[in-house]
């Protein structure tokens, strides 16, 4: 199964949308989880991040990430459709990114880092749109949205490591990874504002009103 599904995974831990000649039953699966009649420019945009992050988030919001439940619906025979991280529920997009106990732990760590109140799975999509109960400037909202997108991307990347290589990051290491990469991506693309690493780690909340 891992070999069959592996052809769907592109670089960076994000799945691509095409596969063919998979399995031994002669069946061909094409355009797996690629939304029909959707042009690439329909994806969400945040120019503080690489394109691959935007695509991953767009697929997540469209429920087009190839979690086990979605692949099962498309007739791909799987050994299990349970979450490869917690094994406590069926693996849907919402479960993997917002409701899994590991995902909740990561989101709570990110929220604590940004001095927000505890994360609620029901409010997860709001973060992807840069929404929060905190007062933010336009740039601050964009920065927070970028951090939320990087969080989602790393949750999905960790899921793929667990599903296909039977390994993954522990929560503190994953948090550190996304802190480093979000700083690297955002600071190299933001215009008219210098982000400082020490502030980014200890007081990122200051950037919400910049």
Protein backbone atom coordinates (compact mmCIF):
# COMPACT_ATOMS: atom_id res chain seq x y z
CA UNK A 1 0.00 0.00 0.00
CA UNK A 2 2.76 2.45 0.89
CA UNK A 3 4.38 1.92 -2.49
CA UNK A 4 1.10 2.41 -4.32
CA UNK A 5 0.22 5.60 -2.50
CA UNK A 6 3.76 6.89 -2.45
CA UNK A 7 3.50 7.95 -6.07
CA UNK A 8 0.95 10.53 -4.93
CA UNK A 9 3.42 12.29 -2.66
CA UNK A 10 5.41 15.16 -4.04
CA UNK A 11 8.33 16.99 -2.48
CA UNK A 12 7.76 18.80 0.81
CA UNK A 13 5.29 16.29 2.19
CA UNK A 14 2.33 17.53 0.12
CA UNK A 15 0.49 15.15 -2.14
CA UNK A 16 0.16 15.77 -5.80
CA UNK A 17 -3.03 15.21 -7.71
CA UNK A 18 -2.27 12.57 -10.34
CA UNK A 19 -1.54 8.89 -10.30
CA UNK A 20 -1.89 6.04 -12.76
CA UNK A 21 -1.51 2.26 -12.99
CA UNK A 22 -1.66 1.75 -9.26
CA UNK A 23 -2.23 -1.66 -7.76
CA UNK A 24 -2.23 -5.10 -9.32
CA UNK A 25 -5.86 -5.24 -10.42
CA UNK A 26 -5.37 -3.31 -13.64
CA UNK A 27 -7.31 -0.32 -12.39
CA UNK A 28 -6.08 3.17 -13.17
CA UNK A 29 -6.73 6.14 -10.90
CA UNK A 30 -6.32 9.55 -12.51
CA UNK A 31 -6.54 13.07 -11.10
CA UNK A 32 -6.92 11.74 -7.57
CA UNK A 33 -8.30 14.47 -5.31
CA UNK A 34 -7.83 17.17 -7.94
CA UNK A 35 -10.90 19.48 -7.91
CA UNK A 36 -12.59 19.54 -11.33
CA UNK A 37 -12.72 22.85 -13.19
CA UNK A 38 -10.43 24.56 -10.70
CA UNK A 39 -7.60 26.65 -12.09
CA UNK A 40 -4.37 27.06 -10.08
CA UNK A 41 -5.10 30.76 -9.53
CA UNK A 42 -8.12 29.78 -7.44
CA UNK A 43 -5.83 28.95 -4.52
CA UNK A 44 -5.60 31.21 -1.51
CA UNK A 45 -2.71 33.62 -1.48
CA UNK A 46 -0.34 34.86 1.20
CA UNK A 47 2.81 36.30 -0.34
CA UNK A 48 4.74 35.82 2.91
CA UNK A 49 4.96 32.09 2.18
CA UNK A 50 6.14 29.73 -0.58
CA UNK A 51 3.57 28.58 -3.10
CA UNK A 52 3.63 25.00 -1.78
CA UNK A 53 2.17 26.18 1.53
CA UNK A 54 -0.67 28.01 -0.23
CA UNK A 55 -1.50 24.90 -2.25
CA UNK A 56 -1.51 22.67 0.83
CA UNK A 57 -3.86 25.03 2.69
CA UNK A 58 -6.16 25.35 -0.32
CA UNK A 59 -6.41 21.57 -0.58
CA UNK A 60 -7.12 21.32 3.13
CA UNK A 61 -9.94 23.87 3.02
CA UNK A 62 -11.39 22.14 -0.05
CA UNK A 63 -11.13 18.77 1.73
CA UNK A 64 -8.83 17.63 -1.07
CA UNK A 65 -5.94 16.27 0.96
CA UNK A 66 -5.66 12.50 0.43
CA UNK A 67 -6.45 11.31 3.93
CA UNK A 68 -7.45 7.65 4.24
CA UNK A 69 -11.21 8.34 4.26
CA UNK A 70 -11.04 10.26 0.97
CA UNK A 71 -8.93 7.60 -0.72
CA UNK A 72 -11.29 4.90 0.55
CA UNK A 73 -14.24 6.78 -1.00
CA UNK A 74 -12.44 6.62 -4.33
CA UNK A 75 -12.14 2.87 -4.26
CA UNK A 76 -8.53 2.53 -3.14
CA UNK A 77 -8.22 -0.56 -0.95
CA UNK A 78 -6.57 0.37 2.34
CA UNK A 79 -5.58 -1.71 5.33
CA UNK A 80 -7.12 0.85 7.69
CA UNK A 81 -8.82 4.25 7.51
CA UNK A 82 -8.03 5.19 11.09
CA UNK A 83 -5.79 8.13 11.97
CA UNK A 84 -2.13 7.06 11.65
CA UNK A 85 -1.19 9.49 14.43
CA UNK A 86 -3.62 8.71 17.28
CA UNK A 87 -5.57 5.67 15.99
CA UNK A 88 -8.61 6.97 17.88
CA UNK A 89 -10.85 7.99 14.97
CA UNK A 90 -11.32 7.77 11.22
CA UNK A 91 -8.85 9.92 9.35
CA UNK A 92 -10.65 12.88 7.79
CA UNK A 93 -9.05 16.21 6.86
CA UNK A 94 -10.64 17.94 9.86
CA UNK A 95 -9.53 15.19 12.21
CA UNK A 96 -5.93 15.20 11.01
CA UNK A 97 -5.48 18.97 11.10
CA UNK A 98 -7.74 20.11 13.92
CA UNK A 99 -9.32 17.31 16.00
CA UNK A 100 -6.56 14.73 16.47
CA UNK A 101 -5.11 14.90 19.99
CA UNK A 102 -1.66 15.55 18.50
CA UNK A 103 -2.99 18.38 16.29
CA UNK A 104 -4.76 19.97 19.26
CA UNK A 105 -1.53 19.79 21.26
CA UNK A 106 0.40 21.52 18.45
CA UNK A 107 -2.23 24.24 17.95
CA UNK A 108 -2.30 24.91 21.70
CA UNK A 109 1.47 25.26 21.72
CA UNK A 110 1.30 27.71 18.80
CA UNK A 111 -1.50 29.67 20.48
CA UNK A 112 0.47 29.81 23.72
CA UNK A 113 3.55 30.98 21.80
CA UNK A 114 1.45 33.85 20.39
CA UNK A 115 -0.16 34.58 23.76
CA UNK A 116 -3.63 33.55 22.56
CA UNK A 117 -6.26 31.71 24.57
CA UNK A 118 -6.45 27.93 24.17
CA UNK A 119 -7.15 26.51 20.74
CA UNK A 120 -10.62 25.19 19.90
CA UNK A 121 -10.93 22.74 16.97
CA UNK A 122 -14.13 24.47 15.87
CA UNK A 123 -12.17 27.71 15.37
CA UNK A 124 -9.32 26.12 13.44
CA UNK A 125 -10.45 27.29 9.97
CA UNK A 126 -10.74 30.87 11.28
CA UNK A 127 -7.01 30.88 11.96
CA UNK A 128 -6.36 29.87 8.35
CA UNK A 129 -8.18 33.02 7.27
CA UNK A 130 -6.14 35.19 9.66
CA UNK A 131 -9.06 35.67 12.05
CA UNK A 132 -8.69 36.06 15.81
CA UNK A 133 -10.44 37.72 18.73
CA UNK A 134 -7.30 39.84 19.17
CA UNK A 135 -6.96 43.29 17.64
CA UNK A 136 -4.64 43.09 14.63
CA UNK A 137 -3.42 45.39 11.92
CA UNK A 138 -3.77 44.30 8.30
CA UNK A 139 -0.13 43.20 8.26
CA UNK A 140 -0.49 41.56 11.67
CA UNK A 141 -3.44 39.51 10.41
CA UNK A 142 -1.38 38.43 7.41
CA UNK A 143 1.53 37.38 9.64
CA UNK A 144 -0.75 35.38 11.94
CA UNK A 145 -2.41 33.75 8.96
CA UNK A 146 1.03 32.77 7.64
CA UNK A 147 1.93 31.18 10.99
CA UNK A 148 -1.35 29.25 11.00
CA UNK A 149 -0.69 28.03 7.46
CA UNK A 150 2.81 26.87 8.36
CA UNK A 151 1.33 25.04 11.36
CA UNK A 152 -1.13 23.22 9.12
CA UNK A 153 1.60 22.40 6.61
CA UNK A 154 3.81 20.87 9.29
CA UNK A 155 0.92 18.87 10.74
CA UNK A 156 0.32 17.42 7.29
CA UNK A 157 4.02 16.81 6.72
CA UNK A 158 4.25 15.02 10.07
CA UNK A 159 1.19 12.96 9.17
CA UNK A 160 2.89 11.78 5.97
CA UNK A 161 6.05 10.85 7.85
CA UNK A 162 3.96 8.78 10.25
CA UNK A 163 1.77 7.19 7.56
CA UNK A 164 4.51 6.26 5.10
CA UNK A 165 7.74 6.05 7.09
CA UNK A 166 6.34 5.16 10.52
CA UNK A 167 8.11 8.07 12.13
CA UNK A 168 7.38 11.69 12.96
CA UNK A 169 8.25 14.61 15.20
CA UNK A 170 7.39 14.90 18.86
CA UNK A 171 5.37 18.03 19.68
CA UNK A 172 8.26 20.22 20.98
CA UNK A 173 10.42 19.41 17.94
CA UNK A 174 7.59 20.08 15.49
CA UNK A 175 6.89 23.42 17.19
CA UNK A 176 10.54 24.37 16.87
CA UNK A 177 10.57 23.36 13.20
CA UNK A 178 7.59 25.53 12.35
CA UNK A 179 8.93 28.45 14.41
CA UNK A 180 12.20 28.37 12.47
CA UNK A 181 10.65 27.94 9.04
CA UNK A 182 7.87 30.48 9.55
CA UNK A 183 10.47 33.05 10.62
CA UNK A 184 12.70 32.18 7.67
CA UNK A 185 9.89 32.41 5.11
CA UNK A 186 8.10 35.46 6.50
CA UNK A 187 11.19 37.55 7.34
CA UNK A 188 12.62 37.01 3.85
CA UNK A 189 9.41 38.13 2.13
CA UNK A 190 7.95 40.85 4.32
CA UNK A 191 8.44 44.40 3.07
CA UNK A 192 9.07 47.46 5.22
CA UNK A 193 9.34 45.48 8.45
CA UNK A 194 12.26 43.73 10.10
CA UNK A 195 11.46 40.68 12.19
CA UNK A 196 13.91 39.88 14.97
CA UNK A 197 14.49 36.25 15.90
CA UNK A 198 14.48 36.83 19.67
CA UNK A 199 11.17 38.70 19.52
CA UNK A 200 9.76 36.08 17.17
CA UNK A 201 10.42 33.38 19.74
CA UNK A 202 9.53 35.22 22.93
CA UNK A 203 7.04 37.94 21.98
CA UNK A 204 5.58 37.41 18.47
CA UNK A 205 2.35 39.01 19.66
CA UNK A 206 4.03 42.40 19.14
CA UNK A 207 3.84 41.86 15.37
CA UNK A 208 0.04 41.69 15.38
CA UNK A 209 -0.29 45.47 15.64
CA UNK A 210 2.71 46.45 13.53
